[in-house]
Amino acid sequence: MIEGLCPKCGKRYWGWSLKNPRYQSCRECGSGLSMSENGKQIINDYSPFTADEHKLNPFSKFDLT
């Protein structure tokens, strides 16, 4: 069984739904979960929803003036 532990608030989550990135962050504080399966660490404090944000300007290569 997959187990997720929030390193920030200590909340625990269990279940196969943790394989889906949507459920790999804490519902209480939003931190990425440390996840393990059968006692073996598989993900450490990562969530795609807490990744760095990058803003792109699609018109940066074009001079529209």
Protein backbone atom coordinates (compact mmCIF):
# COMPACT_ATOMS: atom_id res chain seq x y z
CA MET A 1 0.00 0.00 0.00
CA ILE A 2 1.23 3.50 -0.79
CA GLU A 3 1.58 5.90 2.13
CA GLY A 4 2.05 9.67 1.94
CA LEU A 5 3.36 11.79 4.80
CA CYS A 6 3.32 15.58 4.84
CA PRO A 7 6.72 16.82 6.04
CA LYS A 8 5.22 20.16 7.09
CA CYS A 9 2.13 19.29 9.16
CA GLY A 10 2.53 15.51 9.68
CA LYS A 11 -0.77 14.47 8.08
CA ARG A 12 -0.78 10.90 6.67
CA TYR A 13 -2.52 9.59 3.57
CA TRP A 14 -2.93 6.01 2.27
CA GLY A 15 -4.16 4.48 -0.97
CA TRP A 16 -3.49 3.83 -4.62
CA SER A 17 -4.83 7.26 -5.56
CA LEU A 18 -1.48 8.67 -4.40
CA LYS A 19 -0.01 7.43 -7.71
CA ASN A 20 -1.95 10.26 -9.38
CA PRO A 21 -0.03 13.61 -9.17
CA ARG A 22 -3.28 15.37 -8.26
CA TYR A 23 -3.22 13.62 -4.88
CA GLN A 24 0.51 13.97 -4.12
CA SER A 25 0.13 17.15 -2.08
CA CYS A 26 -1.27 17.70 1.41
CA ARG A 27 -4.92 18.77 1.54
CA GLU A 28 -4.25 20.77 4.72
CA CYS A 29 -1.17 22.86 3.87
CA GLY A 30 -0.42 22.11 0.17
CA SER A 31 3.11 20.73 0.68
CA GLY A 32 4.42 17.89 -1.44
CA LEU A 33 4.13 14.49 0.24
CA SER A 34 6.96 12.13 1.11
CA MET A 35 5.66 8.87 -0.29
CA SER A 36 6.64 5.29 0.38
CA GLU A 37 5.45 1.87 -0.75
CA ASN A 38 5.98 -1.17 1.49
CA GLY A 39 8.43 0.85 3.60
CA LYS A 40 10.58 1.94 0.63
CA GLN A 41 10.79 5.69 -0.15
CA ILE A 42 9.54 6.44 -3.68
CA ILE A 43 9.01 10.23 -3.71
CA ASN A 44 10.44 12.78 -1.32
CA ASP A 45 8.54 16.06 -0.81
CA TYR A 46 7.54 16.66 -4.42
CA SER A 47 4.29 17.85 -5.90
CA PRO A 48 3.78 19.14 -9.42
CA PHE A 49 1.44 21.74 -7.93
CA THR A 50 4.24 23.29 -5.84
CA ALA A 51 6.83 23.38 -8.63
CA ASP A 52 8.42 26.68 -9.63
CA GLU A 53 6.26 28.82 -11.89
CA HIS A 54 7.66 29.90 -15.24
CA LYS A 55 5.98 32.62 -17.27
CA LEU A 56 6.56 32.67 -21.00
CA ASN A 57 5.92 35.50 -23.39
CA PRO A 58 4.81 33.86 -26.67
CA PHE A 59 5.58 37.06 -28.59
CA SER A 60 9.13 37.59 -27.25
CA LYS A 61 10.74 36.64 -30.61
CA PHE A 62 8.47 38.88 -32.67
CA ASP A 63 8.60 42.63 -33.05
CA LEU A 64 4.96 43.64 -33.47
CA THR A 65 5.53 47.40 -33.47
